[in-house]
Structures are given as structure tokens and as C-alpha cells.
C-alpha atoms as a PDB file:
ATOM      1  CA  MET A   1      22.096 -11.398   2.104  1.00  0.00           C
ATOM      2  CA  SER A   2      19.369  -9.141   3.439  1.00  0.00           C
ATOM      3  CA  GLN A   3      20.077  -5.479   4.153  1.00  0.00           C
ATOM      4  CA  THR A   4      17.879  -2.765   5.609  1.00  0.00           C
ATOM      5  CA  ARG A   5      15.692  -1.248   2.901  1.00  0.00           C
ATOM      6  CA  SER A   6      13.312   1.690   2.774  1.00  0.00           C
ATOM      7  CA  TRP A   7      11.126  -0.112   0.209  1.00  0.00           C
ATOM      8  CA  THR A   8       9.098  -3.306   0.085  1.00  0.00           C
ATOM      9  CA  ALA A   9       8.796  -5.717  -2.808  1.00  0.00           C
ATOM     10  CA  ARG A  10       5.841  -7.836  -3.866  1.00  0.00           C
ATOM     11  CA  VAL A  11       5.794 -10.598  -6.454  1.00  0.00           C
ATOM     12  CA  PHE A  12       2.502 -10.817  -8.393  1.00  0.00           C
ATOM     13  CA  ILE A  13       2.655 -13.714 -10.814  1.00  0.00           C
ATOM     14  CA  ALA A  14       0.876 -16.803 -12.149  1.00  0.00           C
ATOM     15  CA  THR A  15       2.130 -20.339 -12.647  1.00  0.00           C
ATOM     16  CA  SER A  16       0.898 -23.667 -13.885  1.00  0.00           C
ATOM     17  CA  LEU A  17       0.036 -26.201 -11.188  1.00  0.00           C
ATOM     18  CA  ASP A  18       3.523 -27.685 -11.640  1.00  0.00           C
ATOM     19  CA  GLY A  19       5.233 -24.319 -11.096  1.00  0.00           C
ATOM     20  CA  TYR A  20       6.033 -23.016 -14.584  1.00  0.00           C
ATOM     21  CA  ILE A  21       5.483 -19.412 -15.710  1.00  0.00           C
ATOM     22  CA  ALA A  22       5.713 -20.277 -19.423  1.00  0.00           C
ATOM     23  CA  HIS A  23       6.466 -23.058 -21.871  1.00  0.00           C
ATOM     24  CA  ARG A  24      10.171 -23.451 -22.715  1.00  0.00           C
ATOM     25  CA  ASP A  25       9.715 -21.177 -25.765  1.00  0.00           C
ATOM     26  CA  GLY A  26       8.119 -18.444 -23.601  1.00  0.00           C
ATOM     27  CA  ASP A  27       4.549 -19.158 -24.751  1.00  0.00           C
ATOM     28  CA  ILE A  28       1.930 -18.117 -22.163  1.00  0.00           C
ATOM     29  CA  ARG A  29      -1.258 -18.672 -24.163  1.00  0.00           C
ATOM     30  CA  TRP A  30      -2.283 -21.313 -21.607  1.00  0.00           C
ATOM     31  CA  LEU A  31      -2.536 -18.416 -19.140  1.00  0.00           C
ATOM     32  CA  THR A  32      -3.959 -15.652 -21.306  1.00  0.00           C
ATOM     33  CA  GLU A  33      -6.479 -17.880 -23.078  1.00  0.00           C
ATOM     34  CA  PRO A  34      -7.508 -20.424 -20.423  1.00  0.00           C
ATOM     35  CA  THR A  35      -9.995 -23.137 -21.266  1.00  0.00           C
ATOM     36  CA  PRO A  36     -13.327 -22.421 -19.556  1.00  0.00           C
ATOM     37  CA  ASP A  37     -14.522 -25.199 -17.261  1.00  0.00           C
ATOM     38  CA  PRO A  38     -18.279 -25.157 -16.618  1.00  0.00           C
ATOM     39  CA  ASP A  39     -17.833 -27.398 -13.554  1.00  0.00           C
ATOM     40  CA  HIS A  40     -15.279 -25.240 -11.739  1.00  0.00           C
ATOM     41  CA  ILE A  41     -15.918 -23.660  -8.362  1.00  0.00           C
ATOM     42  CA  PRO A  42     -17.278 -20.100  -8.808  1.00  0.00           C
ATOM     43  CA  PRO A  43     -14.992 -17.166  -7.946  1.00  0.00           C
ATOM     44  CA  SER A  44     -14.831 -16.002  -4.321  1.00  0.00           C
ATOM     45  CA  ARG A  45     -17.402 -13.301  -3.527  1.00  0.00           C
ATOM     46  CA  GLU A  46     -15.284 -11.497  -0.938  1.00  0.00           C
ATOM     47  CA  ARG A  47     -11.691 -11.029  -2.074  1.00  0.00           C
ATOM     48  CA  ALA A  48      -8.868 -11.895   0.345  1.00  0.00           C
ATOM     49  CA  VAL A  49      -6.186 -11.280  -2.295  1.00  0.00           C
ATOM     50  CA  ASP A  50      -5.673  -8.188  -4.462  1.00  0.00           C
ATOM     51  CA  ASN A  51      -6.578  -8.464  -8.120  1.00  0.00           C
ATOM     52  CA  PHE A  52      -4.152  -6.960 -10.624  1.00  0.00           C
ATOM     53  CA  ASP A  53      -5.692  -3.460 -10.604  1.00  0.00           C
ATOM     54  CA  GLN A  54      -5.695  -3.316  -6.793  1.00  0.00           C
ATOM     55  CA  HIS A  55      -2.116  -4.559  -6.779  1.00  0.00           C
ATOM     56  CA  MET A  56      -0.969  -1.946  -9.332  1.00  0.00           C
ATOM     57  CA  ALA A  57      -2.624   0.842  -7.323  1.00  0.00           C
ATOM     58  CA  ARG A  58      -0.275  -0.031  -4.452  1.00  0.00           C
ATOM     59  CA  VAL A  59       3.090  -0.016  -6.282  1.00  0.00           C
ATOM     60  CA  ASP A  60       5.495   2.781  -7.208  1.00  0.00           C
ATOM     61  CA  ARG A  61       7.746   0.836  -9.586  1.00  0.00           C
ATOM     62  CA  VAL A  62       7.682  -2.349 -11.634  1.00  0.00           C
ATOM     63  CA  VAL A  63      10.927  -4.311 -12.019  1.00  0.00           C
ATOM     64  CA  MET A  64      11.275  -7.069 -14.593  1.00  0.00           C
ATOM     65  CA  GLY A  65      13.969  -8.758 -16.633  1.00  0.00           C
ATOM     66  CA  ARG A  66      14.612  -8.391 -20.355  1.00  0.00           C
ATOM     67  CA  LYS A  67      12.769 -11.582 -21.343  1.00  0.00           C
ATOM     68  CA  THR A  68       9.657 -10.578 -19.401  1.00  0.00           C
ATOM     69  CA  TYR A  69       9.834  -7.083 -20.887  1.00  0.00           C
ATOM     70  CA  GLU A  70      10.028  -8.492 -24.405  1.00  0.00           C
ATOM     71  CA  LYS A  71       7.072 -10.795 -23.665  1.00  0.00           C
ATOM     72  CA  VAL A  72       5.030  -7.890 -22.258  1.00  0.00           C
ATOM     73  CA  LEU A  73       5.743  -5.827 -25.394  1.00  0.00           C
ATOM     74  CA  SER A  74       4.373  -8.677 -27.534  1.00  0.00           C
ATOM     75  CA  LEU A  75       1.020  -8.628 -25.711  1.00  0.00           C
ATOM     76  CA  PRO A  76      -1.837  -6.304 -26.694  1.00  0.00           C
ATOM     77  CA  GLY A  77      -1.946  -3.142 -24.609  1.00  0.00           C
ATOM     78  CA  TRP A  78       0.259  -1.960 -21.769  1.00  0.00           C
ATOM     79  CA  GLN A  79      -0.836  -3.280 -18.399  1.00  0.00           C
ATOM     80  CA  TYR A  80       1.255  -0.992 -16.168  1.00  0.00           C
ATOM     81  CA  GLY A  81      -0.482   2.338 -16.838  1.00  0.00           C
ATOM     82  CA  ASP A  82       1.664   5.276 -15.730  1.00  0.00           C
ATOM     83  CA  THR A  83       3.716   3.276 -13.233  1.00  0.00           C
ATOM     84  CA  LYS A  84       7.416   3.543 -14.012  1.00  0.00           C
ATOM     85  CA  VAL A  85       8.907   0.286 -15.336  1.00  0.00           C
ATOM     86  CA  ILE A  86      12.519  -0.692 -14.736  1.00  0.00           C
ATOM     87  CA  VAL A  87      14.099  -3.467 -16.795  1.00  0.00           C
ATOM     88  CA  LEU A  88      16.939  -5.199 -14.977  1.00  0.00           C
ATOM     89  CA  SER A  89      19.220  -6.408 -17.761  1.00  0.00           C
ATOM     90  CA  ARG A  90      22.928  -6.906 -18.403  1.00  0.00           C
ATOM     91  CA  THR A  91      22.396  -7.033 -22.179  1.00  0.00           C
ATOM     92  CA  MET A  92      20.206  -3.982 -22.831  1.00  0.00           C
ATOM     93  CA  ARG A  93      21.671  -0.476 -23.035  1.00  0.00           C
ATOM     94  CA  TYR A  94      21.619   1.315 -19.658  1.00  0.00           C
ATOM     95  CA  GLY A  95      19.379   4.360 -19.355  1.00  0.00           C
ATOM     96  CA  VAL A  96      15.924   5.620 -20.231  1.00  0.00           C
ATOM     97  CA  HIS A  97      14.231   4.233 -23.353  1.00  0.00           C
ATOM     98  CA  GLU A  98      10.981   5.235 -25.020  1.00  0.00           C
ATOM     99  CA  HIS A  99       8.542   2.741 -26.502  1.00  0.00           C
ATOM    100  CA  THR A 100       5.012   3.027 -27.824  1.00  0.00           C
ATOM    101  CA  HIS A 101       3.457   2.918 -24.340  1.00  0.00           C
ATOM    102  CA  GLY A 102       5.776   5.302 -22.537  1.00  0.00           C
ATOM    103  CA  VAL A 103       9.203   5.245 -20.977  1.00  0.00           C
ATOM    104  CA  VAL A 104      11.171   2.453 -19.321  1.00  0.00           C
ATOM    105  CA  GLU A 105      14.492   2.637 -17.544  1.00  0.00           C
ATOM    106  CA  VAL A 106      17.130  -0.051 -18.045  1.00  0.00           C
ATOM    107  CA  ILE A 107      19.409  -0.728 -15.089  1.00  0.00           C
ATOM    108  CA  ASN A 108      22.264  -3.190 -15.416  1.00  0.00           C
ATOM    109  CA  ASP A 109      22.999  -4.261 -11.836  1.00  0.00           C
ATOM    110  CA  LEU A 110      21.463  -4.632  -8.396  1.00  0.00           C
ATOM    111  CA  ASP A 111      23.553  -1.915  -6.745  1.00  0.00           C
ATOM    112  CA  ASP A 112      22.313   0.664  -9.264  1.00  0.00           C
ATOM    113  CA  LEU A 113      18.752  -0.605  -8.816  1.00  0.00           C
ATOM    114  CA  ARG A 114      18.943  -0.234  -5.044  1.00  0.00           C
ATOM    115  CA  GLU A 115      20.479   3.244  -5.360  1.00  0.00           C
ATOM    116  CA  THR A 116      17.680   4.244  -7.754  1.00  0.00           C
ATOM    117  CA  PHE A 117      15.031   3.113  -5.252  1.00  0.00           C
ATOM    118  CA  GLU A 118      16.704   5.090  -2.462  1.00  0.00           C
ATOM    119  CA  ARG A 119      17.294   8.219  -4.574  1.00  0.00           C
ATOM    120  CA  GLU A 120      13.753   8.273  -5.985  1.00  0.00           C
ATOM    121  CA  ILE A 121      12.187   7.425  -2.587  1.00  0.00           C
ATOM    122  CA  VAL A 122      10.488   4.322  -3.941  1.00  0.00           C
ATOM    123  CA  ARG A 123       8.314   2.621  -1.320  1.00  0.00           C
ATOM    124  CA  ARG A 124       6.585  -0.331  -3.046  1.00  0.00           C
ATOM    125  CA  VAL A 125       8.034  -2.435  -5.863  1.00  0.00           C
ATOM    126  CA  TYR A 126       6.288  -4.984  -8.079  1.00  0.00           C
ATOM    127  CA  VAL A 127       8.730  -7.749  -9.065  1.00  0.00           C
ATOM    128  CA  ASP A 128       7.897  -9.702 -12.233  1.00  0.00           C
ATOM    129  CA  GLY A 129       9.616 -12.437 -14.244  1.00  0.00           C
ATOM    130  CA  GLY A 130      11.256 -15.682 -13.176  1.00  0.00           C
ATOM    131  CA  GLU A 131      14.912 -14.661 -13.021  1.00  0.00           C
ATOM    132  CA  VAL A 132      14.235 -11.308 -11.358  1.00  0.00           C
ATOM    133  CA  VAL A 133      11.945 -12.958  -8.788  1.00  0.00           C
ATOM    134  CA  GLN A 134      14.699 -15.498  -8.044  1.00  0.00           C
ATOM    135  CA  THR A 135      17.303 -12.719  -7.733  1.00  0.00           C
ATOM    136  CA  PHE A 136      15.135 -10.694  -5.359  1.00  0.00           C
ATOM    137  CA  LEU A 137      14.402 -13.797  -3.258  1.00  0.00           C
ATOM    138  CA  GLN A 138      18.087 -14.715  -3.034  1.00  0.00           C
ATOM    139  CA  ASN A 139      18.876 -11.181  -1.839  1.00  0.00           C
ATOM    140  CA  GLY A 140      16.115 -11.219   0.776  1.00  0.00           C
ATOM    141  CA  TRP A 141      14.255  -8.447  -1.043  1.00  0.00           C
ATOM    142  CA  VAL A 142      10.786 -10.034  -1.360  1.00  0.00           C
ATOM    143  CA  ASP A 143       8.256  -9.195   1.351  1.00  0.00           C
ATOM    144  CA  GLU A 144       5.097 -10.639  -0.173  1.00  0.00           C
ATOM    145  CA  ILE A 145       4.107 -13.024  -2.961  1.00  0.00           C
ATOM    146  CA  ILE A 146       0.740 -13.131  -4.672  1.00  0.00           C
ATOM    147  CA  LEU A 147       0.787 -16.373  -6.597  1.00  0.00           C
ATOM    148  CA  THR A 148      -2.030 -17.412  -8.903  1.00  0.00           C
ATOM    149  CA  THR A 149      -2.073 -21.081  -9.877  1.00  0.00           C
ATOM    150  CA  ALA A 150      -3.760 -22.140 -13.119  1.00  0.00           C
ATOM    151  CA  PRO A 151      -5.364 -25.589 -13.340  1.00  0.00           C
ATOM    152  CA  ILE A 152      -2.947 -26.910 -15.948  1.00  0.00           C
ATOM    153  CA  LEU A 153       0.162 -29.100 -15.899  1.00  0.00           C
ATOM    154  CA  LEU A 154       2.756 -28.015 -18.460  1.00  0.00           C
ATOM    155  CA  GLY A 155       5.200 -30.848 -17.770  1.00  0.00           C
ATOM    156  CA  ARG A 156       8.182 -28.623 -18.469  1.00  0.00           C
ATOM    157  CA  GLY A 157       8.881 -24.995 -19.131  1.00  0.00           C
ATOM    158  CA  ILE A 158      10.346 -21.937 -17.437  1.00  0.00           C
ATOM    159  CA  PRO A 159      10.158 -22.415 -13.655  1.00  0.00           C
ATOM    160  CA  LEU A 160       9.152 -19.577 -11.389  1.00  0.00           C
ATOM    161  CA  PHE A 161      11.464 -20.318  -8.502  1.00  0.00           C
ATOM    162  CA  GLY A 162      14.243 -22.517  -9.847  1.00  0.00           C
ATOM    163  CA  TYR A 163      17.227 -23.038  -7.570  1.00  0.00           C
ATOM    164  CA  LEU A 164      17.391 -21.050  -4.325  1.00  0.00           C
ATOM    165  CA  HIS A 165      20.449 -20.999  -2.058  1.00  0.00           C
ATOM    166  CA  THR A 166      18.348 -21.604   1.046  1.00  0.00           C
ATOM    167  CA  SER A 167      14.818 -22.430   2.109  1.00  0.00           C
ATOM    168  CA  ILE A 168      12.459 -19.474   2.359  1.00  0.00           C
ATOM    169  CA  ARG A 169       9.555 -19.676   4.793  1.00  0.00           C
ATOM    170  CA  LEU A 170       6.213 -18.058   4.036  1.00  0.00           C
ATOM    171  CA  THR A 171       2.905 -17.649   5.790  1.00  0.00           C
ATOM    172  CA  LEU A 172      -0.449 -17.687   4.018  1.00  0.00           C
ATOM    173  CA  LEU A 173      -2.415 -14.422   4.363  1.00  0.00           C
ATOM    174  CA  GLY A 174      -5.376 -15.194   2.099  1.00  0.00           C
ATOM    175  CA  THR A 175      -6.730 -17.354  -0.724  1.00  0.00           C
ATOM    176  CA  ASP A 176      -9.329 -16.743  -3.455  1.00  0.00           C
ATOM    177  CA  VAL A 177     -10.816 -18.774  -6.251  1.00  0.00           C
ATOM    178  CA  ILE A 178     -10.761 -16.541  -9.315  1.00  0.00           C
ATOM    179  CA  ASP A 179     -11.751 -16.914 -12.982  1.00  0.00           C
ATOM    180  CA  ASN A 180     -11.456 -20.224 -14.826  1.00  0.00           C
ATOM    181  CA  GLY A 181     -10.737 -22.232 -11.688  1.00  0.00           C
ATOM    182  CA  MET A 182      -7.531 -20.393 -10.847  1.00  0.00           C
ATOM    183  CA  ILE A 183      -6.475 -20.071  -7.210  1.00  0.00           C
ATOM    184  CA  SER A 184      -4.825 -16.870  -6.009  1.00  0.00           C
ATOM    185  CA  CYS A 185      -2.844 -16.985  -2.744  1.00  0.00           C
ATOM    186  CA  ARG A 186      -1.190 -14.151  -0.841  1.00  0.00           C
ATOM    187  CA  TYR A 187       1.909 -15.019   1.192  1.00  0.00           C
ATOM    188  CA  LYS A 188       4.139 -13.031   3.531  1.00  0.00           C
ATOM    189  CA  VAL A 189       7.846 -13.909   3.286  1.00  0.00           C
ATOM    190  CA  LEU A 190       9.139 -14.620   6.791  1.00  0.00           C
ATOM    191  CA  ASN A 191      12.904 -14.627   6.223  1.00  0.00           C
END
């Protein structure tokens, strides 16, 4: 159910060609260490879709689930800079937590998350992780999706979209060929 919001949400995520964000065990090496293809189409010269740095420059908060947060902590470096990260989790302890790269806030339910956005005058949210993306979509809280598709079929794994209660219409705003034959598409969510 969609309600009036003072903030917008954008998904920025990559999948395999068959729609998975990771292998069943959470492995994403296929994405972080893609196989170079000397015959692939070269990257687009003029970008129609934000790259990650451009995307991050436009967001006030990052929201992800516990599994995505744990995966991000296992990667080298911290890709979110100074942008405040919120972990939406029913199993982690509510509140502010420090880690080696800074501070994250754990929020346990959607009502608290929405209240936090309103109280802190959040305008632009980056939504990351399969379950959180699905939750935001089901609540009508996603305004835009930047989806990068890698030229690989995993066969099975963790799906990005999974089951949705209803169809969601999108319109294509731009497409780019990026590194290693990946295609990045920017969509506006219509409903």
C-alpha cells in the first residue's frame, strides 16, 4: 500500500542474466571478479545511467538488510563513504552500532524506518539487498531502479525480485553498456 512520502527511493543493484543477485550461499565473485571478454561491445561513451559514484552523490541514506550488510562487511573497503547506512533487521539489536568503517543504525520495522526518514528529513534513499528491495516494492516505496545485468547465467541462487503481490510497471529511462559486457538500465517505477 502506497502512502504519501517526503522521500524517494532508488534501487541500484546488479543481477545475473537470469535474475539472481548471488549464488545460494551468498557468493558474488561472479560479479566482483567478472571474466573479461575481448569480443564484448565497448562501454558507452556518453552515460545515460549513473555509475555508482554518481548514484551515491545523490543519496542521503542507504537501507539494506542484515544479509547484505554482512556481505558488504566481508568485502574489502567500505563503498558508502560518509553516507549514513541503515540496516533493516528483525534479528539485530536496535540502535546505533559502530564498526571499522563508521556507524550504522539498525531499525527493526518499517514504521520506525519511515519515522526516521521523516524526522531526519531524508530526501533520497538507496535501497540495497534482495529482501529489502522486495519489501520496498511491495509497499510502493521504490521510485527508480538502476539494474545492471551481468552476462552470466547462474541457474539458481538468491533472486532479486522473488514473489510480488502485484505486477509493477516500469518505463525505461536509459541504457548503457558498461565494463565486461554488462548492461546498466535505469527505470522509473510507474505504480
